[in-house]
Amino acid sequence: MKARVTVTLKNGVLDPQGKAIVGALGSLGFEGVGSVRQGKVFDVELDTSDKAKAEANLKAMCEKLLANTVIEDYAVELI
């Protein structure tokens, strides 16, 4: 079973990398970009066909390693 985990900064958390990207896009001639929020995407392949077990394992992975839950949110999608 394959899954995609998307990790993004929580609303209200400063995103200096996103701000730098906005500046770089502007210097490359891309106008009209108001803001950018950067994040991470993990594609995970699991050796199970049990959807509930996969979701539980992915949540545990996010809580323990993939996301800093103090400042980041995550979303799990089975694909």
N, C-alpha and C. Protein backbone atom coordinates (compact mmCIF):
# COMPACT_ATOMS: atom_id res chain seq x y z
N MET A 1 0.85 -1.17 0.00
CA MET A 1 0.00 0.00 0.00
C MET A 1 0.90 1.24 0.00
N LYS A 2 0.52 2.22 -0.78
CA LYS A 2 1.28 3.46 -0.86
C LYS A 2 0.52 4.58 -0.16
N ALA A 3 1.29 5.49 0.40
CA ALA A 3 0.69 6.63 1.09
C ALA A 3 1.53 7.87 0.82
N ARG A 4 0.88 9.00 0.94
CA ARG A 4 1.56 10.29 0.82
C ARG A 4 1.27 11.07 2.09
N VAL A 5 2.33 11.54 2.72
CA VAL A 5 2.22 12.36 3.92
C VAL A 5 2.69 13.77 3.56
N THR A 6 1.84 14.75 3.81
CA THR A 6 2.18 16.15 3.54
C THR A 6 2.29 16.87 4.87
N VAL A 7 3.44 17.51 5.08
CA VAL A 7 3.71 18.22 6.33
C VAL A 7 3.84 19.70 6.00
N THR A 8 3.09 20.54 6.70
CA THR A 8 3.13 21.98 6.48
C THR A 8 3.22 22.70 7.82
N LEU A 9 3.73 23.91 7.79
CA LEU A 9 3.78 24.71 9.01
C LEU A 9 2.37 25.11 9.42
N LYS A 10 2.14 25.16 10.72
CA LYS A 10 0.84 25.60 11.23
C LYS A 10 0.64 27.07 10.91
N ASN A 11 -0.62 27.48 10.80
CA ASN A 11 -0.92 28.90 10.61
C ASN A 11 -0.38 29.68 11.79
N GLY A 12 0.21 30.82 11.52
CA GLY A 12 0.77 31.65 12.58
C GLY A 12 2.24 31.42 12.84
N VAL A 13 2.80 30.32 12.31
CA VAL A 13 4.22 30.05 12.46
C VAL A 13 4.95 30.75 11.32
N LEU A 14 5.97 31.52 11.66
CA LEU A 14 6.73 32.24 10.64
C LEU A 14 7.41 31.25 9.70
N ASP A 15 7.46 31.61 8.42
CA ASP A 15 8.04 30.75 7.39
C ASP A 15 9.10 31.53 6.63
N PRO A 16 10.33 31.62 7.18
CA PRO A 16 11.36 32.40 6.49
C PRO A 16 11.74 31.84 5.13
N GLN A 17 11.68 30.52 4.97
CA GLN A 17 12.00 29.94 3.66
C GLN A 17 10.93 30.33 2.64
N GLY A 18 9.68 30.32 3.04
CA GLY A 18 8.61 30.75 2.14
C GLY A 18 8.78 32.21 1.73
N LYS A 19 9.20 33.04 2.69
CA LYS A 19 9.43 34.45 2.40
C LYS A 19 10.58 34.62 1.40
N ALA A 20 11.64 33.83 1.58
CA ALA A 20 12.77 33.87 0.66
C ALA A 20 12.35 33.43 -0.74
N ILE A 21 11.46 32.46 -0.83
CA ILE A 21 10.98 31.99 -2.13
C ILE A 21 10.19 33.09 -2.83
N VAL A 22 9.37 33.81 -2.07
CA VAL A 22 8.61 34.93 -2.66
C VAL A 22 9.58 35.94 -3.25
N GLY A 23 10.64 36.28 -2.50
CA GLY A 23 11.62 37.24 -3.00
C GLY A 23 12.33 36.73 -4.24
N ALA A 24 12.70 35.45 -4.24
CA ALA A 24 13.39 34.88 -5.40
C ALA A 24 12.48 34.85 -6.62
N LEU A 25 11.22 34.51 -6.43
CA LEU A 25 10.28 34.50 -7.56
C LEU A 25 10.14 35.90 -8.14
N GLY A 26 10.06 36.90 -7.26
CA GLY A 26 9.97 38.28 -7.73
C GLY A 26 11.19 38.69 -8.53
N SER A 27 12.38 38.28 -8.07
CA SER A 27 13.60 38.65 -8.80
C SER A 27 13.73 37.90 -10.12
N LEU A 28 13.00 36.79 -10.26
CA LEU A 28 12.99 36.04 -11.52
C LEU A 28 11.91 36.53 -12.47
N GLY A 29 11.17 37.56 -12.04
CA GLY A 29 10.18 38.16 -12.93
C GLY A 29 8.76 37.64 -12.73
N PHE A 30 8.54 36.80 -11.72
CA PHE A 30 7.19 36.31 -11.44
C PHE A 30 6.50 37.29 -10.49
N GLU A 31 5.60 38.09 -11.05
CA GLU A 31 4.92 39.11 -10.26
C GLU A 31 3.58 38.59 -9.76
N GLY A 32 3.09 39.19 -8.72
CA GLY A 32 1.77 38.86 -8.22
C GLY A 32 1.74 37.71 -7.24
N VAL A 33 2.89 37.26 -6.74
CA VAL A 33 2.92 36.20 -5.74
C VAL A 33 2.85 36.87 -4.37
N GLY A 34 1.75 36.68 -3.68
CA GLY A 34 1.56 37.32 -2.39
C GLY A 34 2.29 36.64 -1.27
N SER A 35 2.24 35.31 -1.24
CA SER A 35 2.93 34.58 -0.19
C SER A 35 3.15 33.13 -0.63
N VAL A 36 4.11 32.50 0.03
CA VAL A 36 4.41 31.09 -0.21
C VAL A 36 4.60 30.45 1.16
N ARG A 37 4.03 29.28 1.35
CA ARG A 37 4.27 28.47 2.55
C ARG A 37 4.91 27.18 2.06
N GLN A 38 6.09 26.88 2.56
CA GLN A 38 6.79 25.69 2.12
C GLN A 38 6.46 24.52 3.07
N GLY A 39 6.67 23.32 2.58
CA GLY A 39 6.41 22.13 3.38
C GLY A 39 7.22 20.95 2.88
N LYS A 40 6.81 19.76 3.29
CA LYS A 40 7.50 18.53 2.92
C LYS A 40 6.47 17.50 2.48
N VAL A 41 6.87 16.64 1.56
CA VAL A 41 6.02 15.53 1.12
C VAL A 41 6.83 14.24 1.24
N PHE A 42 6.24 13.23 1.86
CA PHE A 42 6.86 11.92 1.98
C PHE A 42 5.98 10.90 1.28
N ASP A 43 6.54 10.15 0.36
CA ASP A 43 5.84 9.02 -0.26
C ASP A 43 6.34 7.76 0.45
N VAL A 44 5.42 7.05 1.07
CA VAL A 44 5.76 5.90 1.89
C VAL A 44 5.08 4.66 1.31
N GLU A 45 5.83 3.59 1.19
CA GLU A 45 5.27 2.31 0.75
C GLU A 45 5.25 1.37 1.95
N LEU A 46 4.06 0.86 2.27
CA LEU A 46 3.87 -0.01 3.43
C LEU A 46 3.58 -1.44 2.98
N ASP A 47 4.07 -2.40 3.76
CA ASP A 47 3.83 -3.82 3.46
C ASP A 47 2.59 -4.32 4.19
N THR A 48 1.46 -3.70 3.92
CA THR A 48 0.20 -4.13 4.51
C THR A 48 -0.94 -3.75 3.57
N SER A 49 -2.01 -4.49 3.66
CA SER A 49 -3.21 -4.13 2.90
C SER A 49 -4.33 -3.70 3.84
N ASP A 50 -4.05 -3.66 5.14
CA ASP A 50 -5.01 -3.26 6.16
C ASP A 50 -5.01 -1.74 6.28
N LYS A 51 -6.08 -1.11 5.78
CA LYS A 51 -6.16 0.35 5.74
C LYS A 51 -6.06 0.97 7.12
N ALA A 52 -6.77 0.43 8.09
CA ALA A 52 -6.76 0.99 9.45
C ALA A 52 -5.37 0.89 10.07
N LYS A 53 -4.70 -0.25 9.88
CA LYS A 53 -3.35 -0.43 10.42
C LYS A 53 -2.38 0.54 9.75
N ALA A 54 -2.51 0.70 8.43
CA ALA A 54 -1.64 1.61 7.70
C ALA A 54 -1.80 3.04 8.21
N GLU A 55 -3.04 3.49 8.37
CA GLU A 55 -3.29 4.84 8.86
C GLU A 55 -2.75 5.04 10.26
N ALA A 56 -2.91 4.05 11.13
CA ALA A 56 -2.40 4.14 12.49
C ALA A 56 -0.87 4.21 12.49
N ASN A 57 -0.23 3.39 11.67
CA ASN A 57 1.23 3.41 11.59
C ASN A 57 1.74 4.74 11.03
N LEU A 58 1.07 5.26 10.02
CA LEU A 58 1.49 6.53 9.43
C LEU A 58 1.33 7.67 10.43
N LYS A 59 0.25 7.66 11.19
CA LYS A 59 0.06 8.69 12.21
C LYS A 59 1.18 8.61 13.25
N ALA A 60 1.53 7.39 13.67
CA ALA A 60 2.62 7.22 14.64
C ALA A 60 3.94 7.71 14.06
N MET A 61 4.18 7.43 12.77
CA MET A 61 5.41 7.90 12.11
C MET A 61 5.48 9.43 12.13
N CYS A 62 4.36 10.06 11.84
CA CYS A 62 4.31 11.53 11.83
C CYS A 62 4.55 12.09 13.23
N GLU A 63 3.89 11.51 14.21
CA GLU A 63 4.01 12.00 15.59
C GLU A 63 5.42 11.82 16.13
N LYS A 64 6.11 10.77 15.71
CA LYS A 64 7.43 10.46 16.27
C LYS A 64 8.60 10.99 15.46
N LEU A 65 8.43 11.17 14.13
CA LEU A 65 9.58 11.53 13.32
C LEU A 65 9.30 12.51 12.19
N LEU A 66 8.29 12.25 11.39
CA LEU A 66 8.13 13.00 10.15
C LEU A 66 7.70 14.45 10.34
N ALA A 67 6.97 14.73 11.41
CA ALA A 67 6.48 16.10 11.65
C ALA A 67 6.84 16.55 13.05
N ASN A 68 7.19 17.82 13.16
CA ASN A 68 7.35 18.45 14.47
C ASN A 68 5.98 19.02 14.82
N THR A 69 5.20 18.25 15.58
CA THR A 69 3.79 18.60 15.79
C THR A 69 3.58 19.86 16.62
N VAL A 70 4.64 20.41 17.17
CA VAL A 70 4.52 21.69 17.87
C VAL A 70 4.28 22.81 16.87
N ILE A 71 4.96 22.74 15.72
CA ILE A 71 4.86 23.82 14.74
C ILE A 71 4.34 23.37 13.38
N GLU A 72 4.12 22.06 13.20
CA GLU A 72 3.71 21.55 11.89
C GLU A 72 2.42 20.73 11.99
N ASP A 73 1.64 20.80 10.94
CA ASP A 73 0.48 19.94 10.74
C ASP A 73 0.85 18.90 9.69
N TYR A 74 0.13 17.79 9.69
CA TYR A 74 0.36 16.77 8.66
C TYR A 74 -0.96 16.20 8.19
N ALA A 75 -0.93 15.70 6.96
CA ALA A 75 -2.10 15.05 6.37
C ALA A 75 -1.62 13.75 5.73
N VAL A 76 -2.38 12.69 5.94
CA VAL A 76 -2.05 11.37 5.41
C VAL A 76 -3.07 11.00 4.34
N GLU A 77 -2.58 10.55 3.22
CA GLU A 77 -3.45 10.14 2.11
C GLU A 77 -2.99 8.77 1.61
N LEU A 78 -3.88 7.79 1.65
CA LEU A 78 -3.59 6.49 1.09
C LEU A 78 -3.86 6.54 -0.40
N ILE A 79 -2.88 6.09 -1.21
CA ILE A 79 -3.03 6.16 -2.67
C ILE A 79 -2.84 4.80 -3.31
